[in-house]
C-alpha atoms as a PDB file:
ATOM      1  CA  UNK A   1      -0.593  25.777  -1.242  1.00  0.00           C
ATOM      2  CA  UNK A   2      -0.753  29.794  -0.803  1.00  0.00           C
ATOM      3  CA  UNK A   3      -4.395  29.292  -1.704  1.00  0.00           C
ATOM      4  CA  UNK A   4      -5.468  26.627   0.163  1.00  0.00           C
ATOM      5  CA  UNK A   5      -7.198  26.320   3.719  1.00  0.00           C
ATOM      6  CA  UNK A   6      -5.704  23.529   6.026  1.00  0.00           C
ATOM      7  CA  UNK A   7      -7.049  21.410   9.069  1.00  0.00           C
ATOM      8  CA  UNK A   8      -5.086  19.901  11.557  1.00  0.00           C
ATOM      9  CA  UNK A   9      -5.926  16.187  12.185  1.00  0.00           C
ATOM     10  CA  UNK A  10      -4.984  15.224  15.660  1.00  0.00           C
ATOM     11  CA  UNK A  11      -1.274  16.520  15.051  1.00  0.00           C
ATOM     12  CA  UNK A  12      -0.966  13.249  12.307  1.00  0.00           C
ATOM     13  CA  UNK A  13      -2.633  14.187   9.230  1.00  0.00           C
ATOM     14  CA  UNK A  14      -3.234  17.730   7.420  1.00  0.00           C
ATOM     15  CA  UNK A  15      -5.782  18.039   5.313  1.00  0.00           C
ATOM     16  CA  UNK A  16      -5.597  21.217   2.827  1.00  0.00           C
ATOM     17  CA  UNK A  17      -7.983  22.314   0.066  1.00  0.00           C
ATOM     18  CA  UNK A  18      -8.247  25.107  -2.194  1.00  0.00           C
ATOM     19  CA  UNK A  19     -10.387  27.835  -0.502  1.00  0.00           C
ATOM     20  CA  UNK A  20     -13.513  27.806  -3.128  1.00  0.00           C
ATOM     21  CA  UNK A  21     -13.864  23.922  -1.568  1.00  0.00           C
ATOM     22  CA  UNK A  22     -13.182  24.732   2.064  1.00  0.00           C
ATOM     23  CA  UNK A  23     -16.625  23.930   3.361  1.00  0.00           C
ATOM     24  CA  UNK A  24     -15.537  20.235   2.784  1.00  0.00           C
ATOM     25  CA  UNK A  25     -12.625  20.392   5.258  1.00  0.00           C
ATOM     26  CA  UNK A  26     -14.566  19.460   8.354  1.00  0.00           C
ATOM     27  CA  UNK A  27     -16.305  16.828   6.370  1.00  0.00           C
ATOM     28  CA  UNK A  28     -13.460  15.165   5.556  1.00  0.00           C
ATOM     29  CA  UNK A  29     -11.192  16.098   8.866  1.00  0.00           C
ATOM     30  CA  UNK A  30     -14.130  14.119  10.961  1.00  0.00           C
ATOM     31  CA  UNK A  31     -13.753  10.604   8.432  1.00  0.00           C
ATOM     32  CA  UNK A  32      -9.877  10.859   9.300  1.00  0.00           C
ATOM     33  CA  UNK A  33      -9.721  11.713  12.824  1.00  0.00           C
ATOM     34  CA  UNK A  34     -10.604   7.715  13.711  1.00  0.00           C
ATOM     35  CA  UNK A  35      -7.986   6.795  11.419  1.00  0.00           C
ATOM     36  CA  UNK A  36      -5.050   9.278  12.919  1.00  0.00           C
ATOM     37  CA  UNK A  37      -5.852   8.485  16.680  1.00  0.00           C
ATOM     38  CA  UNK A  38      -4.996   5.050  16.057  1.00  0.00           C
ATOM     39  CA  UNK A  39      -1.852   5.232  13.868  1.00  0.00           C
ATOM     40  CA  UNK A  40       1.698   4.619  15.617  1.00  0.00           C
ATOM     41  CA  UNK A  41       3.650   6.939  16.350  1.00  0.00           C
ATOM     42  CA  UNK A  42       6.289   5.406  14.003  1.00  0.00           C
ATOM     43  CA  UNK A  43       4.115   6.277  11.355  1.00  0.00           C
ATOM     44  CA  UNK A  44       5.206   9.873   9.922  1.00  0.00           C
ATOM     45  CA  UNK A  45       2.707  12.645   9.897  1.00  0.00           C
ATOM     46  CA  UNK A  46       1.333  13.343   6.045  1.00  0.00           C
ATOM     47  CA  UNK A  47      -0.527  15.741   4.544  1.00  0.00           C
ATOM     48  CA  UNK A  48      -3.737  14.877   2.359  1.00  0.00           C
ATOM     49  CA  UNK A  49      -4.115  17.544  -0.441  1.00  0.00           C
ATOM     50  CA  UNK A  50      -6.464  18.793  -3.138  1.00  0.00           C
ATOM     51  CA  UNK A  51      -4.758  18.872  -6.235  1.00  0.00           C
ATOM     52  CA  UNK A  52      -5.200  19.493  -9.989  1.00  0.00           C
ATOM     53  CA  UNK A  53      -6.151  16.024 -11.280  1.00  0.00           C
ATOM     54  CA  UNK A  54      -5.301  16.060 -14.799  1.00  0.00           C
ATOM     55  CA  UNK A  55      -2.424  15.913 -17.074  1.00  0.00           C
ATOM     56  CA  UNK A  56      -0.512  19.416 -17.858  1.00  0.00           C
ATOM     57  CA  UNK A  57      -1.910  19.524 -21.340  1.00  0.00           C
ATOM     58  CA  UNK A  58      -5.249  19.728 -20.446  1.00  0.00           C
ATOM     59  CA  UNK A  59      -4.720  23.306 -18.540  1.00  0.00           C
ATOM     60  CA  UNK A  60      -5.133  26.544 -20.326  1.00  0.00           C
ATOM     61  CA  UNK A  61      -2.321  27.513 -22.945  1.00  0.00           C
ATOM     62  CA  UNK A  62      -1.877  30.347 -20.545  1.00  0.00           C
ATOM     63  CA  UNK A  63      -1.455  28.492 -17.269  1.00  0.00           C
ATOM     64  CA  UNK A  64       0.399  25.636 -19.230  1.00  0.00           C
ATOM     65  CA  UNK A  65       3.334  27.709 -20.493  1.00  0.00           C
ATOM     66  CA  UNK A  66       4.187  28.883 -16.612  1.00  0.00           C
ATOM     67  CA  UNK A  67       4.457  25.145 -15.482  1.00  0.00           C
ATOM     68  CA  UNK A  68       6.044  22.077 -16.146  1.00  0.00           C
ATOM     69  CA  UNK A  69       5.523  18.450 -15.293  1.00  0.00           C
ATOM     70  CA  UNK A  70       7.479  19.063 -12.227  1.00  0.00           C
ATOM     71  CA  UNK A  71       4.990  21.452 -10.850  1.00  0.00           C
ATOM     72  CA  UNK A  72       2.501  18.770 -10.695  1.00  0.00           C
ATOM     73  CA  UNK A  73       4.345  16.031  -9.031  1.00  0.00           C
ATOM     74  CA  UNK A  74       3.428  15.254  -5.463  1.00  0.00           C
ATOM     75  CA  UNK A  75       5.664  14.642  -2.492  1.00  0.00           C
ATOM     76  CA  UNK A  76       6.050  11.258  -0.976  1.00  0.00           C
ATOM     77  CA  UNK A  77       4.103  12.587   2.234  1.00  0.00           C
ATOM     78  CA  UNK A  78       1.076  13.577   0.521  1.00  0.00           C
ATOM     79  CA  UNK A  79      -1.970  12.157  -0.426  1.00  0.00           C
ATOM     80  CA  UNK A  80      -3.987  13.366  -3.346  1.00  0.00           C
ATOM     81  CA  UNK A  81      -7.755  14.582  -2.318  1.00  0.00           C
ATOM     82  CA  UNK A  82     -10.908  13.635  -3.906  1.00  0.00           C
ATOM     83  CA  UNK A  83     -12.685  16.351  -2.360  1.00  0.00           C
ATOM     84  CA  UNK A  84     -16.232  14.777  -3.453  1.00  0.00           C
ATOM     85  CA  UNK A  85     -15.773  11.585  -1.488  1.00  0.00           C
ATOM     86  CA  UNK A  86     -14.685  11.990   2.047  1.00  0.00           C
ATOM     87  CA  UNK A  87     -14.502   8.190   2.497  1.00  0.00           C
ATOM     88  CA  UNK A  88     -11.930   7.941  -0.198  1.00  0.00           C
ATOM     89  CA  UNK A  89      -9.651  10.526   1.575  1.00  0.00           C
ATOM     90  CA  UNK A  90     -10.153   8.286   4.814  1.00  0.00           C
ATOM     91  CA  UNK A  91      -9.252   5.153   2.855  1.00  0.00           C
ATOM     92  CA  UNK A  92      -5.735   6.890   1.204  1.00  0.00           C
ATOM     93  CA  UNK A  93      -4.607   7.919   4.513  1.00  0.00           C
ATOM     94  CA  UNK A  94      -4.920   4.027   5.603  1.00  0.00           C
ATOM     95  CA  UNK A  95      -3.560   2.822   2.380  1.00  0.00           C
ATOM     96  CA  UNK A  96      -0.587   5.002   2.595  1.00  0.00           C
ATOM     97  CA  UNK A  97      -0.008   4.414   6.101  1.00  0.00           C
ATOM     98  CA  UNK A  98       0.723   0.747   5.295  1.00  0.00           C
ATOM     99  CA  UNK A  99       2.631   1.519   2.304  1.00  0.00           C
ATOM    100  CA  UNK A 100       0.148   0.859  -0.507  1.00  0.00           C
ATOM    101  CA  UNK A 101      -0.349   3.049  -3.231  1.00  0.00           C
ATOM    102  CA  UNK A 102      -3.073   4.919  -3.277  1.00  0.00           C
ATOM    103  CA  UNK A 103      -3.871   5.307  -7.328  1.00  0.00           C
ATOM    104  CA  UNK A 104      -3.640   2.340  -9.729  1.00  0.00           C
ATOM    105  CA  UNK A 105      -0.360   2.318 -12.063  1.00  0.00           C
ATOM    106  CA  UNK A 106      -0.027   3.966 -15.263  1.00  0.00           C
ATOM    107  CA  UNK A 107      -2.255   1.248 -17.193  1.00  0.00           C
ATOM    108  CA  UNK A 108      -4.653   1.798 -14.612  1.00  0.00           C
ATOM    109  CA  UNK A 109      -4.158  -1.931 -12.683  1.00  0.00           C
ATOM    110  CA  UNK A 110      -4.371  -2.361  -9.098  1.00  0.00           C
ATOM    111  CA  UNK A 111      -1.918  -3.741  -6.711  1.00  0.00           C
ATOM    112  CA  UNK A 112      -3.059  -7.237  -6.065  1.00  0.00           C
ATOM    113  CA  UNK A 113      -2.580  -7.899  -1.883  1.00  0.00           C
ATOM    114  CA  UNK A 114      -4.271 -11.358  -1.659  1.00  0.00           C
ATOM    115  CA  UNK A 115      -3.030 -12.841   1.762  1.00  0.00           C
ATOM    116  CA  UNK A 116      -1.122  -9.894   2.822  1.00  0.00           C
ATOM    117  CA  UNK A 117      -1.367  -8.648   6.243  1.00  0.00           C
ATOM    118  CA  UNK A 118      -0.863  -4.877   5.663  1.00  0.00           C
ATOM    119  CA  UNK A 119      -4.115  -5.189   3.117  1.00  0.00           C
ATOM    120  CA  UNK A 120      -6.029  -6.172   6.019  1.00  0.00           C
ATOM    121  CA  UNK A 121      -4.480  -3.670   8.276  1.00  0.00           C
ATOM    122  CA  UNK A 122      -5.349  -1.084   5.650  1.00  0.00           C
ATOM    123  CA  UNK A 123      -9.240  -2.310   5.787  1.00  0.00           C
ATOM    124  CA  UNK A 124      -9.058  -1.999   9.812  1.00  0.00           C
ATOM    125  CA  UNK A 125      -8.013   1.756   9.538  1.00  0.00           C
ATOM    126  CA  UNK A 126     -10.463   2.440   6.947  1.00  0.00           C
ATOM    127  CA  UNK A 127     -12.926   1.389   9.064  1.00  0.00           C
ATOM    128  CA  UNK A 128     -12.193   3.308  12.023  1.00  0.00           C
ATOM    129  CA  UNK A 129     -15.306   5.317  13.019  1.00  0.00           C
ATOM    130  CA  UNK A 130     -17.662   3.652  10.205  1.00  0.00           C
ATOM    131  CA  UNK A 131     -20.896   1.839  10.744  1.00  0.00           C
ATOM    132  CA  UNK A 132     -23.996   0.354   8.588  1.00  0.00           C
ATOM    133  CA  UNK A 133     -23.708   0.813   5.034  1.00  0.00           C
ATOM    134  CA  UNK A 134     -20.101   2.329   5.042  1.00  0.00           C
ATOM    135  CA  UNK A 135     -18.802  -0.093   6.775  1.00  0.00           C
ATOM    136  CA  UNK A 136     -20.247  -2.984   4.754  1.00  0.00           C
ATOM    137  CA  UNK A 137     -18.913  -1.207   1.456  1.00  0.00           C
ATOM    138  CA  UNK A 138     -15.767  -0.670   2.871  1.00  0.00           C
ATOM    139  CA  UNK A 139     -15.237  -4.501   3.593  1.00  0.00           C
ATOM    140  CA  UNK A 140     -17.316  -6.134   1.074  1.00  0.00           C
ATOM    141  CA  UNK A 141     -17.264  -6.554  -2.659  1.00  0.00           C
ATOM    142  CA  UNK A 142     -20.722  -5.876  -4.530  1.00  0.00           C
ATOM    143  CA  UNK A 143     -20.076  -8.835  -6.534  1.00  0.00           C
ATOM    144  CA  UNK A 144     -19.142 -11.064  -3.388  1.00  0.00           C
ATOM    145  CA  UNK A 145     -20.906 -13.832  -4.789  1.00  0.00           C
ATOM    146  CA  UNK A 146     -19.122 -14.038  -8.186  1.00  0.00           C
ATOM    147  CA  UNK A 147     -17.248 -16.982  -9.775  1.00  0.00           C
ATOM    148  CA  UNK A 148     -14.424 -14.287 -10.747  1.00  0.00           C
ATOM    149  CA  UNK A 149     -11.687 -14.281  -7.872  1.00  0.00           C
ATOM    150  CA  UNK A 150     -10.834 -10.410  -8.870  1.00  0.00           C
ATOM    151  CA  UNK A 151     -14.459  -9.620  -8.941  1.00  0.00           C
ATOM    152  CA  UNK A 152     -14.793 -10.941  -5.271  1.00  0.00           C
ATOM    153  CA  UNK A 153     -11.839  -9.304  -3.617  1.00  0.00           C
ATOM    154  CA  UNK A 154     -12.628  -6.042  -5.616  1.00  0.00           C
ATOM    155  CA  UNK A 155     -14.015  -3.103  -3.458  1.00  0.00           C
ATOM    156  CA  UNK A 156     -14.703  -0.495  -6.223  1.00  0.00           C
ATOM    157  CA  UNK A 157     -18.026   0.534  -6.606  1.00  0.00           C
ATOM    158  CA  UNK A 158     -19.810   1.635  -9.820  1.00  0.00           C
ATOM    159  CA  UNK A 159     -17.386   4.677 -11.378  1.00  0.00           C
ATOM    160  CA  UNK A 160     -14.742   3.675  -9.290  1.00  0.00           C
ATOM    161  CA  UNK A 161     -11.266   2.356  -9.835  1.00  0.00           C
ATOM    162  CA  UNK A 162      -9.283   1.479  -6.699  1.00  0.00           C
ATOM    163  CA  UNK A 163      -5.595   1.172  -6.181  1.00  0.00           C
ATOM    164  CA  UNK A 164      -5.824  -1.996  -4.196  1.00  0.00           C
ATOM    165  CA  UNK A 165      -7.655  -5.525  -4.676  1.00  0.00           C
ATOM    166  CA  UNK A 166      -7.471  -8.032  -2.209  1.00  0.00           C
ATOM    167  CA  UNK A 167      -8.838 -11.629  -1.942  1.00  0.00           C
ATOM    168  CA  UNK A 168     -12.489 -12.527  -0.701  1.00  0.00           C
ATOM    169  CA  UNK A 169     -10.245 -14.300   2.168  1.00  0.00           C
ATOM    170  CA  UNK A 170      -8.688 -10.978   3.006  1.00  0.00           C
ATOM    171  CA  UNK A 171     -12.199  -9.367   2.949  1.00  0.00           C
ATOM    172  CA  UNK A 172     -13.262 -12.180   5.515  1.00  0.00           C
ATOM    173  CA  UNK A 173     -10.299 -11.840   7.905  1.00  0.00           C
ATOM    174  CA  UNK A 174     -10.568  -7.808   7.881  1.00  0.00           C
ATOM    175  CA  UNK A 175     -14.162  -8.222   9.058  1.00  0.00           C
ATOM    176  CA  UNK A 176     -12.940 -10.849  11.734  1.00  0.00           C
ATOM    177  CA  UNK A 177     -10.383  -8.277  12.529  1.00  0.00           C
ATOM    178  CA  UNK A 178     -12.889  -5.401  12.995  1.00  0.00           C
ATOM    179  CA  UNK A 179     -15.050  -7.454  15.086  1.00  0.00           C
ATOM    180  CA  UNK A 180     -12.465  -7.807  17.748  1.00  0.00           C
ATOM    181  CA  UNK A 181     -12.131  -5.145  20.556  1.00  0.00           C
ATOM    182  CA  UNK A 182     -10.340  -1.695  19.164  1.00  0.00           C
ATOM    183  CA  UNK A 183      -7.903  -1.255  21.806  1.00  0.00           C
ATOM    184  CA  UNK A 184      -6.558  -4.941  21.732  1.00  0.00           C
ATOM    185  CA  UNK A 185      -5.994  -4.865  17.745  1.00  0.00           C
ATOM    186  CA  UNK A 186      -4.550  -1.221  17.811  1.00  0.00           C
ATOM    187  CA  UNK A 187      -2.170  -2.608  20.730  1.00  0.00           C
ATOM    188  CA  UNK A 188      -0.990  -5.516  18.774  1.00  0.00           C
ATOM    189  CA  UNK A 189      -0.338  -3.503  15.368  1.00  0.00           C
ATOM    190  CA  UNK A 190       1.386  -0.738  17.221  1.00  0.00           C
ATOM    191  CA  UNK A 191       3.480  -3.444  19.535  1.00  0.00           C
ATOM    192  CA  UNK A 192       5.001  -4.934  15.803  1.00  0.00           C
ATOM    193  CA  UNK A 193       3.933  -2.547  13.022  1.00  0.00           C
ATOM    194  CA  UNK A 194       6.658  -2.874  10.891  1.00  0.00           C
ATOM    195  CA  UNK A 195       5.891  -6.619  10.601  1.00  0.00           C
ATOM    196  CA  UNK A 196       2.221  -6.187   9.933  1.00  0.00           C
ATOM    197  CA  UNK A 197       3.091  -3.732   7.154  1.00  0.00           C
ATOM    198  CA  UNK A 198       5.748  -5.784   5.460  1.00  0.00           C
ATOM    199  CA  UNK A 199       4.786  -7.389   2.044  1.00  0.00           C
ATOM    200  CA  UNK A 200       6.177 -10.706   3.141  1.00  0.00           C
ATOM    201  CA  UNK A 201       3.995 -11.139   6.305  1.00  0.00           C
ATOM    202  CA  UNK A 202       0.866 -13.400   5.754  1.00  0.00           C
ATOM    203  CA  UNK A 203      -2.811 -12.517   6.181  1.00  0.00           C
ATOM    204  CA  UNK A 204      -2.735 -15.714   8.468  1.00  0.00           C
ATOM    205  CA  UNK A 205       0.272 -14.579  10.577  1.00  0.00           C
ATOM    206  CA  UNK A 206      -1.900 -11.591  11.765  1.00  0.00           C
ATOM    207  CA  UNK A 207      -5.010 -13.851  12.204  1.00  0.00           C
ATOM    208  CA  UNK A 208      -2.788 -16.072  14.485  1.00  0.00           C
ATOM    209  CA  UNK A 209      -1.247 -13.018  16.586  1.00  0.00           C
ATOM    210  CA  UNK A 210      -4.867 -11.748  17.443  1.00  0.00           C
ATOM    211  CA  UNK A 211      -6.367 -14.940  18.174  1.00  0.00           C
ATOM    212  CA  UNK A 212      -8.372 -15.686  15.004  1.00  0.00           C
ATOM    213  CA  UNK A 213      -8.600 -18.706  12.930  1.00  0.00           C
ATOM    214  CA  UNK A 214      -6.633 -18.724   9.721  1.00  0.00           C
ATOM    215  CA  UNK A 215      -8.111 -17.240   6.772  1.00  0.00           C
ATOM    216  CA  UNK A 216      -6.431 -19.222   3.836  1.00  0.00           C
ATOM    217  CA  UNK A 217      -6.125 -20.671   1.402  1.00  0.00           C
ATOM    218  CA  UNK A 218      -5.999 -17.271  -0.746  1.00  0.00           C
ATOM    219  CA  UNK A 219      -7.600 -16.997  -4.371  1.00  0.00           C
ATOM    220  CA  UNK A 220      -5.050 -16.157  -7.097  1.00  0.00           C
ATOM    221  CA  UNK A 221      -5.854 -13.037  -8.397  1.00  0.00           C
ATOM    222  CA  UNK A 222      -4.640 -11.620 -11.644  1.00  0.00           C
ATOM    223  CA  UNK A 223      -5.379  -7.660 -11.969  1.00  0.00           C
ATOM    224  CA  UNK A 224      -6.876  -5.858 -14.596  1.00  0.00           C
ATOM    225  CA  UNK A 225      -7.922  -2.500 -15.614  1.00  0.00           C
ATOM    226  CA  UNK A 226     -10.600  -0.726 -13.214  1.00  0.00           C
ATOM    227  CA  UNK A 227     -13.500   0.880 -15.543  1.00  0.00           C
ATOM    228  CA  UNK A 228     -14.264   4.414 -14.644  1.00  0.00           C
ATOM    229  CA  UNK A 229     -17.363   6.514 -16.036  1.00  0.00           C
END
């Protein structure tokens, strides 16, 4: 932390990077600003921090012997930053805000959120400020016509592994939600935030609350490991 530069984003998110990469700070902060501006006041502030991304055994011996695994653990209010991909940082802020993981589990399996309102809310947050190709890629699977339900709900692009997989129906629901007036959606989410981020609350409950048609029935999805390059 003593060797990092930080930017405060709307008083809700702090973005911190090593000084060597500080030129990326403004780009990443710009991606996060539209999300920070619509987060309910009940969402605790968080920090997006650039961290060492490998295991302790990969460090040089002279560094490794000064550290323990605990030194690489991250606080609950921090999100690790991939400084090469500013859109990833914005998505991770959105996932963290609704209580979803920002990394797959130890077996590289994503969490399936088919039919869960919180997954749709995370996509709505992620897409604040986006348009064109970025918006399409943030809400549409690269394999949308696949016969495989996992592929239809997987937003991972080439050489990436995501922490969450939706159903195709949830992605369609997210696109419908994004098409509504932003202020109206922001109000609806803020007024009942704890309900919408509860894993027990369905996507169709959210759709009904904002006057949209139901999205279900939802595909049954079995998670499988992602593939990175």
